[in-house]
């Protein structure tokens, strides 16, 4: 292996650099894919009286290190990879800067390419030697258009690198104490505010995980103080832990860069261009009229989930949990409606009029479809827990999602309405033989029930209809 790059011609360097593929730590295959090991013969034998201590492998300038998680990786303090020609060509672009290089060569269609990134320890960020289309890296936030904002995510990726490769990274005890203070501040916010409105809630996927992890992280950071070396430098396990925590915090800052209070990103605090009001669009207005206004109610719930391009996993989980619980309840009620329709049609006189038979039969069919729709809705709600699946509908199909989520409720309400109408049609006919006074009492009960239900229904749509 030679270390001199003077022998390389400029053309050779250009050709080599064409094989460069900028990536970031979370794209390293060894951490994102399960490698398929080639079949080989393994030696499971233990030699007699073999008690040698663990010895790390050394090959030339390469040292083998064991990650705190148990995985092994190789570290070269001089070059970090054996791809001398490509590395020399790449480092010539740095003008003597001693940045760390991470490269994972792969072969694609017989050509070797070099996915890589540079680590800048003094600035705590990653970078590349050519302009990079960062759409895949920055796409979680549609408002990332200036450098100060993007830099937060590049710093978050630096801490992800620290989590993967803690060897050689120095973190002082004072920094760990500052991190602990910050975590305690988040935890106090949870105690002072509603859990769903705290900053920490946006860092985790479920509320239970959030409460467990915030307490666990504070405890973990406390324990890392005991692992600090004599000079106040953290050991590798503590460095990896701090890297994981800092990646979460920096990524959170990237998503919430515009300073919304408590990272909840309320719609009234939006600094970006507002979208057209979907509730007033012809499509949603027509759907609301046809489907008894249920799509408008669902649309208001969806607005709390998707705000200015940022999707909060806590909100998605809350929406899907409510959606699934509602679907299960509607399935139960639809089954009861089926039994009620059968009972009405079986009562002599009550189910004899053709109007009653027609209305109850329609309700029977709608109830069956309501049960089927609720079953499919529960599966749909489960798929919505995937951020990619949810983003597909939220980014440009929010109106369609509101209509789809309203189908079970619409079928449930219409089947219930037809059952009530069929029952009333049977009561107010002469064939049933109900006395006039009894009909009047039933009519008064109908008016009283309607008068009590309508204000409650209007209140559920907001203060506007009440006023």
Protein backbone atom coordinates (compact mmCIF):
# COMPACT_ATOMS: atom_id res chain seq x y z
CA UNK A 1 0.00 0.00 0.00
CA UNK A 2 1.40 3.39 -0.98
CA UNK A 3 0.45 6.73 0.55
CA UNK A 4 1.75 9.04 -2.17
CA UNK A 5 -0.80 10.73 -4.40
CA UNK A 6 1.64 12.67 -6.60
CA UNK A 7 1.68 9.82 -9.12
CA UNK A 8 -1.98 10.20 -9.85
CA UNK A 9 -2.80 12.24 -12.89
CA UNK A 10 -5.54 14.83 -12.78
CA UNK A 11 -7.65 12.76 -15.16
CA UNK A 12 -7.35 9.73 -12.92
CA UNK A 13 -8.47 11.74 -9.92
CA UNK A 14 -11.46 13.08 -11.83
CA UNK A 15 -12.47 9.58 -12.89
CA UNK A 16 -12.15 8.32 -9.34
CA UNK A 17 -14.21 11.16 -7.92
CA UNK A 18 -16.99 10.36 -10.38
CA UNK A 19 -17.50 7.17 -8.36
CA UNK A 20 -18.18 9.17 -5.18
CA UNK A 21 -21.71 8.84 -3.76
CA UNK A 22 -22.53 11.21 -0.86
CA UNK A 23 -24.46 9.50 1.94
CA UNK A 24 -25.05 10.07 5.65
CA UNK A 25 -24.63 7.74 8.65
CA UNK A 26 -28.18 6.40 8.64
CA UNK A 27 -27.61 5.14 5.08
CA UNK A 28 -24.70 2.88 5.96
CA UNK A 29 -25.73 -0.59 4.85
CA UNK A 30 -24.33 -2.35 7.87
CA UNK A 31 -26.82 -0.48 10.06
CA UNK A 32 -29.81 -0.39 7.72
CA UNK A 33 -29.71 -3.88 6.21
CA UNK A 34 -29.27 -7.36 7.61
CA UNK A 35 -26.23 -8.81 5.82
CA UNK A 36 -26.61 -12.24 4.27
CA UNK A 37 -23.54 -14.20 5.26
CA UNK A 38 -22.01 -16.50 2.69
CA UNK A 39 -22.06 -20.20 3.62
CA UNK A 40 -18.76 -21.13 5.17
CA UNK A 41 -17.25 -23.68 7.51
CA UNK A 42 -17.30 -22.54 11.11
CA UNK A 43 -14.91 -23.77 13.76
CA UNK A 44 -16.82 -24.52 16.94
CA UNK A 45 -13.94 -26.36 18.62
CA UNK A 46 -12.19 -25.18 21.79
CA UNK A 47 -8.55 -26.13 22.16
CA UNK A 48 -7.47 -27.80 25.38
CA UNK A 49 -6.62 -25.45 28.22
CA UNK A 50 -7.39 -22.44 26.01
CA UNK A 51 -7.70 -19.43 28.34
CA UNK A 52 -6.17 -16.64 26.24
CA UNK A 53 -7.71 -13.18 26.86
CA UNK A 54 -9.66 -11.48 24.09
CA UNK A 55 -7.25 -10.05 21.54
CA UNK A 56 -8.42 -7.52 19.01
CA UNK A 57 -7.33 -8.16 15.46
CA UNK A 58 -4.65 -5.91 13.94
CA UNK A 59 -3.91 -5.85 10.21
CA UNK A 60 -1.35 -3.24 9.22
CA UNK A 61 -2.74 0.18 10.14
CA UNK A 62 -6.18 -1.31 10.81
CA UNK A 63 -7.33 -1.96 14.37
CA UNK A 64 -10.44 -3.93 15.28
CA UNK A 65 -12.75 -2.33 17.84
CA UNK A 66 -15.81 -3.63 19.61
CA UNK A 67 -18.81 -1.30 19.74
CA UNK A 68 -20.57 -1.02 23.14
CA UNK A 69 -23.49 -2.89 21.54
CA UNK A 70 -21.19 -5.85 20.81
CA UNK A 71 -20.65 -5.29 17.08
CA UNK A 72 -17.11 -5.04 15.69
CA UNK A 73 -15.73 -2.51 13.24
CA UNK A 74 -12.29 -1.60 11.91
CA UNK A 75 -10.62 1.75 12.41
CA UNK A 76 -7.65 3.23 10.57
CA UNK A 77 -6.33 6.35 12.27
CA UNK A 78 -4.53 7.42 9.08
CA UNK A 79 -7.05 6.86 6.32
CA UNK A 80 -10.04 4.92 7.70
CA UNK A 81 -10.15 2.81 4.52
CA UNK A 82 -7.75 0.90 2.24
CA UNK A 83 -9.05 2.54 -0.93
CA UNK A 84 -5.85 4.54 -1.24
CA UNK A 85 -6.26 5.93 -4.71
CA UNK A 86 -9.80 7.15 -4.22
CA UNK A 87 -9.04 8.41 -0.72
CA UNK A 88 -6.02 10.38 -1.89
CA UNK A 89 -8.05 11.94 -4.71
CA UNK A 90 -10.82 12.81 -2.29
CA UNK A 91 -8.52 14.22 0.39
CA UNK A 92 -6.74 16.40 -2.17
CA UNK A 93 -9.97 18.40 -2.27
CA UNK A 94 -9.73 19.18 1.45
CA UNK A 95 -6.71 21.50 1.22
CA UNK A 96 -4.98 19.78 4.11
CA UNK A 97 -7.97 19.63 6.46
CA UNK A 98 -7.76 16.63 8.78
CA UNK A 99 -11.40 15.60 8.62
CA UNK A 100 -12.52 12.05 9.30
CA UNK A 101 -13.62 10.03 6.28
CA UNK A 102 -16.22 7.26 6.39
CA UNK A 103 -16.55 5.27 3.17
CA UNK A 104 -18.30 1.99 2.46
CA UNK A 105 -17.29 0.73 -1.01
CA UNK A 106 -19.83 -1.36 -2.88
CA UNK A 107 -19.89 -2.96 -6.32
CA UNK A 108 -22.74 -2.05 -8.66
CA UNK A 109 -22.91 -3.82 -12.03
CA UNK A 110 -19.23 -4.60 -11.92
CA UNK A 111 -18.20 -1.04 -11.04
CA UNK A 112 -16.93 -0.11 -7.59
CA UNK A 113 -18.48 3.03 -6.14
CA UNK A 114 -17.70 4.79 -2.89
CA UNK A 115 -20.59 5.96 -0.69
CA UNK A 116 -18.97 8.30 1.82
CA UNK A 117 -19.23 11.28 4.12
CA UNK A 118 -16.71 13.45 5.96
CA UNK A 119 -16.90 14.14 9.69
CA UNK A 120 -15.80 17.55 11.01
CA UNK A 121 -15.22 17.00 14.75
CA UNK A 122 -14.40 20.64 15.54
CA UNK A 123 -17.73 21.80 14.06
CA UNK A 124 -19.66 18.65 14.98
CA UNK A 125 -21.28 18.07 11.62
CA UNK A 126 -20.86 16.03 8.44
CA UNK A 127 -20.10 17.31 4.96
CA UNK A 128 -19.14 16.26 1.42
CA UNK A 129 -16.68 17.47 -1.22
CA UNK A 130 -19.36 18.17 -3.82
CA UNK A 131 -22.85 19.70 -3.83
CA UNK A 132 -25.46 17.22 -2.65
CA UNK A 133 -29.16 16.92 -3.46
CA UNK A 134 -30.37 16.57 0.11
CA UNK A 135 -34.03 15.88 -0.61
CA UNK A 136 -33.94 12.42 0.98
CA UNK A 137 -32.13 13.83 4.00
CA UNK A 138 -34.24 16.96 4.52
CA UNK A 139 -37.65 15.85 3.19
CA UNK A 140 -39.21 15.41 6.64
CA UNK A 141 -39.52 19.19 6.86
CA UNK A 142 -40.79 21.04 3.77
CA UNK A 143 -39.62 24.42 5.13
CA UNK A 144 -35.85 23.70 5.01
CA UNK A 145 -34.64 26.36 2.58
CA UNK A 146 -31.70 28.13 4.30
CA UNK A 147 -28.34 26.99 5.61
CA UNK A 148 -28.88 27.55 9.35
CA UNK A 149 -31.88 25.27 9.20
CA UNK A 150 -30.19 22.51 7.19
CA UNK A 151 -27.12 22.62 9.39
CA UNK A 152 -29.15 21.35 12.34
CA UNK A 153 -29.84 18.09 10.52
CA UNK A 154 -26.20 17.76 9.45
CA UNK A 155 -25.24 18.12 13.10
CA UNK A 156 -27.86 15.52 14.00
CA UNK A 157 -26.24 13.17 11.50
CA UNK A 158 -22.86 13.85 13.13
CA UNK A 159 -24.25 12.59 16.42
CA UNK A 160 -25.65 9.55 14.65
CA UNK A 161 -22.09 8.92 13.45
CA UNK A 162 -20.91 9.23 17.06
CA UNK A 163 -23.49 6.65 18.10
CA UNK A 164 -22.21 4.25 15.42
CA UNK A 165 -18.47 4.98 15.83
CA UNK A 166 -17.77 6.26 19.37
CA UNK A 167 -14.04 5.44 19.25
CA UNK A 168 -11.86 8.54 19.18
CA UNK A 169 -14.70 10.97 19.98
CA UNK A 170 -14.18 13.09 23.08
CA UNK A 171 -17.14 14.27 25.15
CA UNK A 172 -16.37 16.00 28.43
CA UNK A 173 -18.22 15.59 31.68
CA UNK A 174 -19.36 19.22 31.57
CA UNK A 175 -21.19 18.55 28.30
CA UNK A 176 -22.91 15.54 29.79
CA UNK A 177 -24.05 17.60 32.78
CA UNK A 178 -25.45 20.24 30.42
CA UNK A 179 -27.30 17.50 28.53
CA UNK A 180 -28.71 16.20 31.78
CA UNK A 181 -30.00 19.66 32.72
CA UNK A 182 -31.73 19.90 29.35
CA UNK A 183 -33.41 16.52 29.73
CA UNK A 184 -34.59 17.44 33.22
CA UNK A 185 -36.08 20.62 31.78
CA UNK A 186 -38.05 18.56 29.26
CA UNK A 187 -39.23 16.27 32.03
CA UNK A 188 -40.43 19.20 34.13
CA UNK A 189 -42.42 20.42 31.14
CA UNK A 190 -44.19 17.06 31.08
CA UNK A 191 -45.14 17.52 34.71
CA UNK A 192 -46.22 21.15 34.25
CA UNK A 193 -48.09 20.79 30.96
CA UNK A 194 -50.38 18.27 29.35
CA UNK A 195 -48.22 15.39 28.15
CA UNK A 196 -49.35 15.76 24.55
CA UNK A 197 -48.30 19.44 24.56
CA UNK A 198 -44.75 18.97 25.81
CA UNK A 199 -41.59 19.16 23.74
CA UNK A 200 -40.59 15.66 24.78
CA UNK A 201 -43.79 14.26 23.27
CA UNK A 202 -42.59 15.20 19.80
CA UNK A 203 -39.35 13.23 20.28
CA UNK A 204 -40.96 9.83 20.71
CA UNK A 205 -43.50 7.62 18.97
CA UNK A 206 -45.93 6.70 21.75
CA UNK A 207 -46.85 8.42 24.98
CA UNK A 208 -45.83 5.40 27.05
CA UNK A 209 -42.46 5.26 25.33
CA UNK A 210 -42.04 8.99 25.85
CA UNK A 211 -42.66 8.80 29.60
CA UNK A 212 -40.40 5.78 30.01
CA UNK A 213 -37.58 7.14 27.85
CA UNK A 214 -37.46 10.63 29.36
CA UNK A 215 -37.02 9.15 32.82
CA UNK A 216 -34.58 6.52 31.52
CA UNK A 217 -32.47 9.05 29.63
CA UNK A 218 -32.11 11.25 32.69
CA UNK A 219 -31.02 8.21 34.72
CA UNK A 220 -28.62 7.08 32.00
CA UNK A 221 -26.94 10.46 31.77
CA UNK A 222 -26.56 10.45 35.55
CA UNK A 223 -24.83 7.08 35.39
CA UNK A 224 -22.44 8.22 32.65
CA UNK A 225 -20.91 10.70 35.07
CA UNK A 226 -19.56 7.75 37.04
CA UNK A 227 -17.91 6.36 33.89
CA UNK A 228 -15.89 9.49 33.15
CA UNK A 229 -12.13 9.03 33.03
CA UNK A 230 -9.61 10.89 35.18
CA UNK A 231 -9.46 13.81 32.72
CA UNK A 232 -13.25 14.14 32.64
CA UNK A 233 -13.55 12.38 29.24
CA UNK A 234 -16.40 9.95 28.68
CA UNK A 235 -15.72 6.30 27.91
CA UNK A 236 -17.03 4.76 24.67
CA UNK A 237 -20.34 3.42 26.07
CA UNK A 238 -21.17 6.87 27.45
CA UNK A 239 -20.12 8.51 24.17
CA UNK A 240 -22.46 6.21 22.22
CA UNK A 241 -25.33 6.97 24.62
CA UNK A 242 -24.76 10.72 24.38
CA UNK A 243 -24.56 10.45 20.59
CA UNK A 244 -27.96 8.77 20.47
CA UNK A 245 -29.53 11.39 22.73
CA UNK A 246 -27.98 14.34 20.90
CA UNK A 247 -29.10 12.96 17.53
CA UNK A 248 -32.69 12.89 18.77
CA UNK A 249 -32.46 16.43 20.14
CA UNK A 250 -30.79 17.95 17.08
CA UNK A 251 -33.21 16.22 14.71
CA UNK A 252 -36.06 17.55 16.84
CA UNK A 253 -34.62 21.08 16.58
CA UNK A 254 -34.39 20.66 12.80
CA UNK A 255 -38.06 19.71 12.53
CA UNK A 256 -39.14 22.59 14.79
CA UNK A 257 -36.67 25.27 13.70
CA UNK A 258 -39.11 28.15 13.44
CA UNK A 259 -39.67 28.46 17.18
CA UNK A 260 -43.25 27.37 17.59
CA UNK A 261 -44.13 27.24 21.30
CA UNK A 262 -43.47 23.84 22.86
CA UNK A 263 -42.88 22.26 19.43
CA UNK A 264 -46.58 21.58 19.01
CA UNK A 265 -46.68 23.68 15.82
CA UNK A 266 -50.18 25.07 16.23
CA UNK A 267 -51.77 26.19 12.97
CA UNK A 268 -52.17 29.76 14.24
CA UNK A 269 -48.39 30.06 14.65
CA UNK A 270 -47.53 28.92 11.14
CA UNK A 271 -44.89 31.05 9.42
CA UNK A 272 -45.21 29.41 6.01
CA UNK A 273 -47.72 30.00 3.27
CA UNK A 274 -51.10 28.73 4.32
CA UNK A 275 -52.93 26.21 2.24
CA UNK A 276 -56.33 26.84 0.81
CA UNK A 277 -59.10 26.06 3.25
CA UNK A 278 -60.19 22.58 2.22
CA UNK A 279 -63.35 22.84 4.31
CA UNK A 280 -64.66 25.54 1.94
CA UNK A 281 -63.68 23.73 -1.26
CA UNK A 282 -66.51 22.55 -3.56
CA UNK A 283 -65.44 18.93 -3.16
CA UNK A 284 -65.53 18.96 0.64
CA UNK A 285 -68.73 20.99 0.73
CA UNK A 286 -70.47 18.50 -1.57
CA UNK A 287 -69.09 15.55 0.38
CA UNK A 288 -70.17 17.14 3.66
CA UNK A 289 -73.74 17.65 2.45
CA UNK A 290 -74.05 14.14 1.03
CA UNK A 291 -72.33 12.38 3.96
CA UNK A 292 -74.05 14.27 6.81
CA UNK A 293 -71.08 16.59 7.49
CA UNK A 294 -68.86 13.77 8.79
CA UNK A 295 -65.94 14.51 6.37
CA UNK A 296 -65.69 18.06 7.74
CA UNK A 297 -65.37 16.72 11.29
CA UNK A 298 -62.62 14.29 10.23
CA UNK A 299 -60.84 17.05 8.30
CA UNK A 300 -60.58 19.17 11.46
CA UNK A 301 -58.94 16.24 13.24
CA UNK A 302 -56.47 15.71 10.39
CA UNK A 303 -55.33 19.34 10.56
CA UNK A 304 -53.99 18.71 14.06
CA UNK A 305 -51.81 15.89 12.69
CA UNK A 306 -50.24 17.44 9.59
CA UNK A 307 -48.98 20.98 10.17
CA UNK A 308 -46.77 22.74 7.62
CA UNK A 309 -45.27 19.54 6.33
CA UNK A 310 -44.39 18.08 9.74
CA UNK A 311 -46.03 14.87 10.91
CA UNK A 312 -46.03 14.11 14.62
CA UNK A 313 -46.09 10.40 15.42
CA UNK A 314 -47.89 11.07 18.71
CA UNK A 315 -50.75 12.76 16.85
CA UNK A 316 -50.96 9.98 14.26
CA UNK A 317 -51.09 7.31 16.95
CA UNK A 318 -53.78 9.24 18.84
CA UNK A 319 -55.87 9.67 15.68
CA UNK A 320 -55.59 6.01 14.68
CA UNK A 321 -56.39 4.82 18.21
CA UNK A 322 -59.55 6.94 18.28
CA UNK A 323 -60.40 5.88 14.73
CA UNK A 324 -60.05 2.17 15.56
CA UNK A 325 -62.00 2.50 18.81
CA UNK A 326 -64.79 4.29 16.96
CA UNK A 327 -64.83 1.60 14.25
CA UNK A 328 -65.15 -1.15 16.87
CA UNK A 329 -68.01 0.69 18.58
CA UNK A 330 -69.79 1.24 15.26
CA UNK A 331 -69.42 -2.45 14.42
CA UNK A 332 -71.17 -3.33 17.68
CA UNK A 333 -73.99 -0.83 17.12
CA UNK A 334 -74.43 -1.98 13.50
CA UNK A 335 -74.88 -5.56 14.76
CA UNK A 336 -77.54 -4.32 17.19
CA UNK A 337 -79.29 -2.46 14.36
CA UNK A 338 -79.39 -5.69 12.35
CA UNK A 339 -81.14 -7.43 15.24
CA UNK A 340 -83.56 -4.50 15.70
CA UNK A 341 -84.50 -4.53 12.01
CA UNK A 342 -85.18 -8.26 12.16
CA UNK A 343 -87.35 -7.74 15.26
CA UNK A 344 -89.36 -4.93 13.67
CA UNK A 345 -90.10 -6.99 10.58
CA UNK A 346 -91.14 -9.95 12.74
CA UNK A 347 -93.72 -8.05 14.84
CA UNK A 348 -97.24 -8.55 13.38
CA UNK A 349 -98.71 -5.30 12.17
CA UNK A 350 -95.58 -3.26 12.91
CA UNK A 351 -93.59 -4.73 10.06
CA UNK A 352 -96.47 -5.21 7.65
CA UNK A 353 -96.61 -1.80 5.89
CA UNK A 354 -94.58 -1.62 2.71
CA UNK A 355 -92.85 1.59 3.87
CA UNK A 356 -91.59 -0.14 7.02
CA UNK A 357 -90.39 -3.16 5.07
CA UNK A 358 -88.56 -0.95 2.58
CA UNK A 359 -86.90 1.29 5.17
CA UNK A 360 -85.85 -1.58 7.45
CA UNK A 361 -84.52 -3.58 4.51
CA UNK A 362 -82.39 -0.62 3.40
CA UNK A 363 -81.14 -0.22 6.98
CA UNK A 364 -80.34 -3.95 7.10
CA UNK A 365 -78.18 -3.71 3.97
CA UNK A 366 -76.41 -0.55 5.17
CA UNK A 367 -75.66 -2.19 8.53
CA UNK A 368 -74.00 -5.14 6.81
CA UNK A 369 -71.84 -2.79 4.74
CA UNK A 370 -71.10 -0.75 7.88
CA UNK A 371 -69.64 -3.85 9.56
CA UNK A 372 -67.52 -4.58 6.48
CA UNK A 373 -66.40 -0.95 6.23
CA UNK A 374 -65.45 -0.83 9.92
CA UNK A 375 -63.34 -3.97 9.51
CA UNK A 376 -61.50 -2.44 6.55
CA UNK A 377 -61.21 0.88 8.41
CA UNK A 378 -59.37 -0.80 11.29
CA UNK A 379 -56.83 -2.23 8.83
CA UNK A 380 -56.55 1.19 7.17
CA UNK A 381 -55.96 2.80 10.56
CA UNK A 382 -53.20 0.30 11.27
CA UNK A 383 -51.50 1.22 7.97
CA UNK A 384 -51.76 4.92 8.82
CA UNK A 385 -49.34 4.37 11.71
CA UNK A 386 -46.59 4.15 9.10
CA UNK A 387 -45.25 7.67 8.49
CA UNK A 388 -44.66 6.98 4.80
CA UNK A 389 -48.21 5.69 4.32
CA UNK A 390 -49.70 8.58 6.28
CA UNK A 391 -47.61 11.18 4.44
CA UNK A 392 -48.87 9.84 1.08
CA UNK A 393 -52.43 10.85 1.98
CA UNK A 394 -51.65 13.91 4.09
CA UNK A 395 -49.38 15.65 1.55
CA UNK A 396 -51.87 15.92 -1.29
CA UNK A 397 -54.88 13.74 -0.60
CA UNK A 398 -56.12 15.07 2.72
CA UNK A 399 -59.63 15.63 1.34
CA UNK A 400 -59.76 12.06 0.04
CA UNK A 401 -58.50 10.78 3.39
CA UNK A 402 -61.23 12.71 5.20
CA UNK A 403 -63.89 11.15 2.96
CA UNK A 404 -62.45 7.64 3.33
CA UNK A 405 -62.30 7.93 7.11
CA UNK A 406 -65.92 9.15 7.15
CA UNK A 407 -67.41 6.16 5.30
CA UNK A 408 -67.99 3.94 8.39
CA UNK A 409 -69.63 6.80 10.31
CA UNK A 410 -71.83 7.68 7.32
CA UNK A 411 -73.03 4.07 6.90
CA UNK A 412 -73.65 3.81 10.63
CA UNK A 413 -75.71 7.02 10.80
CA UNK A 414 -77.77 6.25 7.69
CA UNK A 415 -78.55 2.69 8.81
CA UNK A 416 -79.65 4.04 12.20
CA UNK A 417 -81.77 6.72 10.54
CA UNK A 418 -83.55 4.23 8.26
CA UNK A 419 -84.25 1.95 11.23
CA UNK A 420 -85.85 4.81 13.17
CA UNK A 421 -87.88 5.90 10.15
CA UNK A 422 -89.04 2.34 9.53
CA UNK A 423 -90.11 1.96 13.16
CA UNK A 424 -92.01 5.27 13.07
CA UNK A 425 -93.68 4.31 9.80
CA UNK A 426 -94.95 1.13 11.46
CA UNK A 427 -96.20 2.91 14.58
CA UNK A 428 -98.15 5.65 12.81
CA UNK A 429 -100.17 3.28 10.66
CA UNK A 430 -103.58 1.86 11.34
CA UNK A 431 -102.50 -1.72 10.87
CA UNK A 432 -100.42 -1.75 14.05
CA UNK A 433 -103.49 -0.82 16.08
CA UNK A 434 -101.80 1.76 18.33
CA UNK A 435 -104.26 4.07 20.10
CA UNK A 436 -104.38 7.76 19.20
CA UNK A 437 -103.20 8.83 22.65
CA UNK A 438 -100.25 6.46 22.42
CA UNK A 439 -99.36 7.89 19.02
CA UNK A 440 -99.43 11.40 20.47
CA UNK A 441 -97.11 10.34 23.31
CA UNK A 442 -94.74 8.74 20.81
CA UNK A 443 -94.81 11.92 18.73
CA UNK A 444 -93.98 14.05 21.77
CA UNK A 445 -91.12 11.71 22.69
CA UNK A 446 -89.81 12.02 19.14
CA UNK A 447 -89.94 15.82 19.28
CA UNK A 448 -88.27 15.93 22.72
CA UNK A 449 -85.50 13.57 21.68
CA UNK A 450 -84.85 15.54 18.51
CA UNK A 451 -84.81 18.83 20.42
CA UNK A 452 -82.19 17.50 22.84
CA UNK A 453 -80.02 15.83 20.21
CA UNK A 454 -79.76 18.63 17.65
CA UNK A 455 -78.03 21.19 19.98
CA UNK A 456 -75.52 18.54 21.06
CA UNK A 457 -74.83 17.65 17.44
CA UNK A 458 -74.35 21.31 16.51
CA UNK A 459 -72.02 21.86 19.48
CA UNK A 460 -69.82 18.99 18.30
CA UNK A 461 -69.18 20.87 15.05
CA UNK A 462 -67.85 23.93 16.90
CA UNK A 463 -69.12 27.25 18.22
CA UNK A 464 -70.07 28.60 14.79
CA UNK A 465 -73.36 26.71 14.30
CA UNK A 466 -74.44 27.44 17.90
CA UNK A 467 -74.08 31.19 17.37
